[in-house]
């Protein structure tokens, strides 16, 4: 079963992702970057990293970009193989190319979604991350 972490200071955004991800796996929620890094760190230490982490780019105290960098540092320090690192998605209302480039190339994010987020874009991103195919395979095995 897939594991997700949604880190956003907006309760409506957390509820949106929780709804879209329902039935796809376990979904943990964090209200800010500090809590998100703490939860991701605990998962990495337990050798059960999240499959996908959704990070809001603009949060109080610790931004999504900073949180992404810290998560990537913890993954490297733990020696996680590439196939076990989390697929990190930055979520933002900012759609300028400079912000998108910083998110993906400088902070280590794998994808970027612009708010308001379309549920179809989340499902498409899950497919590209390999999570949706895994879920479909599990469901197919259960039907057999």
C-alpha atoms as a PDB file:
ATOM      1  CA  UNK A   1       0.000   0.000   0.000  1.00  0.00           C
ATOM      2  CA  UNK A   2       1.333   3.429  -0.950  1.00  0.00           C
ATOM      3  CA  UNK A   3       2.311   6.001   1.672  1.00  0.00           C
ATOM      4  CA  UNK A   4       1.705   9.714   1.163  1.00  0.00           C
ATOM      5  CA  UNK A   5       2.615  12.856   3.088  1.00  0.00           C
ATOM      6  CA  UNK A   6       0.809  16.138   2.417  1.00  0.00           C
ATOM      7  CA  UNK A   7       2.489  19.244   3.865  1.00  0.00           C
ATOM      8  CA  UNK A   8       0.456  22.443   3.528  1.00  0.00           C
ATOM      9  CA  UNK A   9      -0.560  25.208   5.914  1.00  0.00           C
ATOM     10  CA  UNK A  10      -4.034  25.363   4.302  1.00  0.00           C
ATOM     11  CA  UNK A  11      -6.575  22.940   5.744  1.00  0.00           C
ATOM     12  CA  UNK A  12      -8.611  23.039   2.517  1.00  0.00           C
ATOM     13  CA  UNK A  13      -5.582  21.958   0.471  1.00  0.00           C
ATOM     14  CA  UNK A  14      -4.807  19.153   2.941  1.00  0.00           C
ATOM     15  CA  UNK A  15      -8.440  18.000   2.725  1.00  0.00           C
ATOM     16  CA  UNK A  16      -8.347  18.158  -1.089  1.00  0.00           C
ATOM     17  CA  UNK A  17      -5.292  15.893  -1.279  1.00  0.00           C
ATOM     18  CA  UNK A  18      -6.689  13.588   1.381  1.00  0.00           C
ATOM     19  CA  UNK A  19      -9.821  13.175  -0.755  1.00  0.00           C
ATOM     20  CA  UNK A  20      -7.922  12.597  -4.009  1.00  0.00           C
ATOM     21  CA  UNK A  21      -5.595  10.084  -2.352  1.00  0.00           C
ATOM     22  CA  UNK A  22      -8.382   8.216  -0.514  1.00  0.00           C
ATOM     23  CA  UNK A  23      -8.281   4.531  -1.348  1.00  0.00           C
ATOM     24  CA  UNK A  24      -4.798   4.828  -2.840  1.00  0.00           C
ATOM     25  CA  UNK A  25      -2.889   4.365   0.402  1.00  0.00           C
ATOM     26  CA  UNK A  26      -2.073   5.821   3.794  1.00  0.00           C
ATOM     27  CA  UNK A  27      -2.054   9.634   3.877  1.00  0.00           C
ATOM     28  CA  UNK A  28      -0.334  11.572   6.655  1.00  0.00           C
ATOM     29  CA  UNK A  29      -0.823  15.324   7.001  1.00  0.00           C
ATOM     30  CA  UNK A  30       1.476  18.077   8.260  1.00  0.00           C
ATOM     31  CA  UNK A  31       0.588  21.732   8.819  1.00  0.00           C
ATOM     32  CA  UNK A  32       4.028  23.199   8.113  1.00  0.00           C
ATOM     33  CA  UNK A  33       7.492  22.441   6.793  1.00  0.00           C
ATOM     34  CA  UNK A  34       8.931  21.678  10.220  1.00  0.00           C
ATOM     35  CA  UNK A  35       6.330  19.001  10.914  1.00  0.00           C
ATOM     36  CA  UNK A  36       6.690  17.675   7.364  1.00  0.00           C
ATOM     37  CA  UNK A  37      10.464  17.283   7.690  1.00  0.00           C
ATOM     38  CA  UNK A  38       9.992  15.621  11.093  1.00  0.00           C
ATOM     39  CA  UNK A  39       7.475  13.085   9.707  1.00  0.00           C
ATOM     40  CA  UNK A  40       9.586  12.397   6.615  1.00  0.00           C
ATOM     41  CA  UNK A  41      12.672  11.970   8.803  1.00  0.00           C
ATOM     42  CA  UNK A  42      10.918   9.489  11.064  1.00  0.00           C
ATOM     43  CA  UNK A  43       9.749   7.497   8.026  1.00  0.00           C
ATOM     44  CA  UNK A  44      13.296   7.469   6.611  1.00  0.00           C
ATOM     45  CA  UNK A  45      14.745   6.333   9.964  1.00  0.00           C
ATOM     46  CA  UNK A  46      12.139   3.554  10.089  1.00  0.00           C
ATOM     47  CA  UNK A  47      13.274   2.550   6.559  1.00  0.00           C
ATOM     48  CA  UNK A  48       9.710   3.133   5.334  1.00  0.00           C
ATOM     49  CA  UNK A  49       9.963   6.408   3.408  1.00  0.00           C
ATOM     50  CA  UNK A  50       6.863   7.933   1.900  1.00  0.00           C
ATOM     51  CA  UNK A  51       6.183   7.040  -1.715  1.00  0.00           C
ATOM     52  CA  UNK A  52       5.060  10.582  -2.510  1.00  0.00           C
ATOM     53  CA  UNK A  53       5.417  13.829  -0.540  1.00  0.00           C
ATOM     54  CA  UNK A  54       3.368  16.870  -1.558  1.00  0.00           C
ATOM     55  CA  UNK A  55       4.972  20.097  -0.297  1.00  0.00           C
ATOM     56  CA  UNK A  56       3.416  23.551  -0.435  1.00  0.00           C
ATOM     57  CA  UNK A  57       6.088  25.972  -1.577  1.00  0.00           C
ATOM     58  CA  UNK A  58       5.099  28.905   0.667  1.00  0.00           C
ATOM     59  CA  UNK A  59       4.667  28.014   4.339  1.00  0.00           C
ATOM     60  CA  UNK A  60       5.563  29.817   7.546  1.00  0.00           C
ATOM     61  CA  UNK A  61       8.914  28.976   9.185  1.00  0.00           C
ATOM     62  CA  UNK A  62      10.197  26.464   6.611  1.00  0.00           C
ATOM     63  CA  UNK A  63       9.322  26.704   2.910  1.00  0.00           C
ATOM     64  CA  UNK A  64       8.566  23.691   0.776  1.00  0.00           C
ATOM     65  CA  UNK A  65      11.844  24.158  -1.100  1.00  0.00           C
ATOM     66  CA  UNK A  66      13.849  24.139   2.139  1.00  0.00           C
ATOM     67  CA  UNK A  67      11.873  21.137   3.404  1.00  0.00           C
ATOM     68  CA  UNK A  68      12.589  19.305   0.147  1.00  0.00           C
ATOM     69  CA  UNK A  69      16.319  19.971   0.469  1.00  0.00           C
ATOM     70  CA  UNK A  70      16.312  18.699   4.078  1.00  0.00           C
ATOM     71  CA  UNK A  71      14.384  15.560   3.114  1.00  0.00           C
ATOM     72  CA  UNK A  72      16.839  14.848   0.289  1.00  0.00           C
ATOM     73  CA  UNK A  73      19.757  15.314   2.733  1.00  0.00           C
ATOM     74  CA  UNK A  74      18.190  12.827   5.167  1.00  0.00           C
ATOM     75  CA  UNK A  75      17.616  10.291   2.379  1.00  0.00           C
ATOM     76  CA  UNK A  76      21.267  10.559   1.311  1.00  0.00           C
ATOM     77  CA  UNK A  77      22.507  10.328   4.915  1.00  0.00           C
ATOM     78  CA  UNK A  78      20.390   7.196   5.437  1.00  0.00           C
ATOM     79  CA  UNK A  79      21.873   5.637   2.305  1.00  0.00           C
ATOM     80  CA  UNK A  80      18.503   4.985   0.685  1.00  0.00           C
ATOM     81  CA  UNK A  81      18.833   3.489  -2.789  1.00  0.00           C
ATOM     82  CA  UNK A  82      17.312   5.586  -5.603  1.00  0.00           C
ATOM     83  CA  UNK A  83      14.243   3.356  -5.895  1.00  0.00           C
ATOM     84  CA  UNK A  84      13.384   3.955  -2.208  1.00  0.00           C
ATOM     85  CA  UNK A  85      13.585   7.769  -2.110  1.00  0.00           C
ATOM     86  CA  UNK A  86      10.336   9.694  -1.972  1.00  0.00           C
ATOM     87  CA  UNK A  87       8.853  11.252  -5.079  1.00  0.00           C
ATOM     88  CA  UNK A  88       8.598  14.912  -3.984  1.00  0.00           C
ATOM     89  CA  UNK A  89       5.993  17.172  -5.576  1.00  0.00           C
ATOM     90  CA  UNK A  90       6.071  20.926  -4.973  1.00  0.00           C
ATOM     91  CA  UNK A  91       2.592  22.471  -4.937  1.00  0.00           C
ATOM     92  CA  UNK A  92       2.257  26.204  -5.464  1.00  0.00           C
ATOM     93  CA  UNK A  93       0.130  29.021  -6.785  1.00  0.00           C
ATOM     94  CA  UNK A  94       3.361  30.411  -8.301  1.00  0.00           C
ATOM     95  CA  UNK A  95       3.630  29.425 -11.948  1.00  0.00           C
ATOM     96  CA  UNK A  96       6.629  31.445 -13.087  1.00  0.00           C
ATOM     97  CA  UNK A  97       9.393  29.439 -14.785  1.00  0.00           C
ATOM     98  CA  UNK A  98      12.128  30.588 -12.364  1.00  0.00           C
ATOM     99  CA  UNK A  99      10.252  29.170  -9.354  1.00  0.00           C
ATOM    100  CA  UNK A 100       9.527  25.919 -11.184  1.00  0.00           C
ATOM    101  CA  UNK A 101      13.194  25.524 -12.145  1.00  0.00           C
ATOM    102  CA  UNK A 102      14.352  26.204  -8.589  1.00  0.00           C
ATOM    103  CA  UNK A 103      11.866  23.657  -7.246  1.00  0.00           C
ATOM    104  CA  UNK A 104      12.919  20.884  -9.574  1.00  0.00           C
ATOM    105  CA  UNK A 105      16.607  21.471 -10.126  1.00  0.00           C
ATOM    106  CA  UNK A 106      17.874  23.239  -7.025  1.00  0.00           C
ATOM    107  CA  UNK A 107      15.736  21.742  -4.265  1.00  0.00           C
ATOM    108  CA  UNK A 108      15.539  18.200  -5.641  1.00  0.00           C
ATOM    109  CA  UNK A 109      11.792  17.996  -6.288  1.00  0.00           C
ATOM    110  CA  UNK A 110      10.545  15.510  -8.876  1.00  0.00           C
ATOM    111  CA  UNK A 111       7.443  17.376 -10.012  1.00  0.00           C
ATOM    112  CA  UNK A 112       5.589  20.663  -9.701  1.00  0.00           C
ATOM    113  CA  UNK A 113       1.824  21.171  -9.513  1.00  0.00           C
ATOM    114  CA  UNK A 114       0.194  24.587  -9.770  1.00  0.00           C
ATOM    115  CA  UNK A 115      -2.786  25.539  -7.586  1.00  0.00           C
ATOM    116  CA  UNK A 116      -5.634  25.174  -7.974  1.00  0.00           C
ATOM    117  CA  UNK A 117      -4.652  21.552  -8.436  1.00  0.00           C
ATOM    118  CA  UNK A 118      -6.722  19.407 -10.763  1.00  0.00           C
ATOM    119  CA  UNK A 119      -7.454  15.897  -9.391  1.00  0.00           C
ATOM    120  CA  UNK A 120      -6.584  14.478 -12.816  1.00  0.00           C
ATOM    121  CA  UNK A 121      -3.132  16.091 -12.592  1.00  0.00           C
ATOM    122  CA  UNK A 122      -2.573  14.355  -9.240  1.00  0.00           C
ATOM    123  CA  UNK A 123      -3.589  10.980 -10.706  1.00  0.00           C
ATOM    124  CA  UNK A 124      -1.324  11.586 -13.718  1.00  0.00           C
ATOM    125  CA  UNK A 125       1.561  12.462 -11.411  1.00  0.00           C
ATOM    126  CA  UNK A 126       0.941   9.282  -9.384  1.00  0.00           C
ATOM    127  CA  UNK A 127       1.196   7.280 -12.605  1.00  0.00           C
ATOM    128  CA  UNK A 128       4.453   8.980 -13.568  1.00  0.00           C
ATOM    129  CA  UNK A 129       5.797   8.260 -10.060  1.00  0.00           C
ATOM    130  CA  UNK A 130       4.914   4.588 -10.486  1.00  0.00           C
ATOM    131  CA  UNK A 131       2.475   4.620  -7.571  1.00  0.00           C
ATOM    132  CA  UNK A 132      -0.750   4.273  -9.561  1.00  0.00           C
ATOM    133  CA  UNK A 133       0.541   1.280 -11.585  1.00  0.00           C
ATOM    134  CA  UNK A 134       1.567  -0.458  -8.364  1.00  0.00           C
ATOM    135  CA  UNK A 135      -1.882   0.145  -6.912  1.00  0.00           C
ATOM    136  CA  UNK A 136      -3.578  -1.148 -10.086  1.00  0.00           C
ATOM    137  CA  UNK A 137      -1.414  -4.284  -9.993  1.00  0.00           C
ATOM    138  CA  UNK A 138      -2.371  -4.943  -6.361  1.00  0.00           C
ATOM    139  CA  UNK A 139      -6.065  -4.476  -7.144  1.00  0.00           C
ATOM    140  CA  UNK A 140      -5.785  -6.785 -10.184  1.00  0.00           C
ATOM    141  CA  UNK A 141      -4.105  -9.466  -8.057  1.00  0.00           C
ATOM    142  CA  UNK A 142      -6.911  -9.197  -5.499  1.00  0.00           C
ATOM    143  CA  UNK A 143      -9.544  -9.668  -8.234  1.00  0.00           C
ATOM    144  CA  UNK A 144      -7.837 -12.794  -9.612  1.00  0.00           C
END
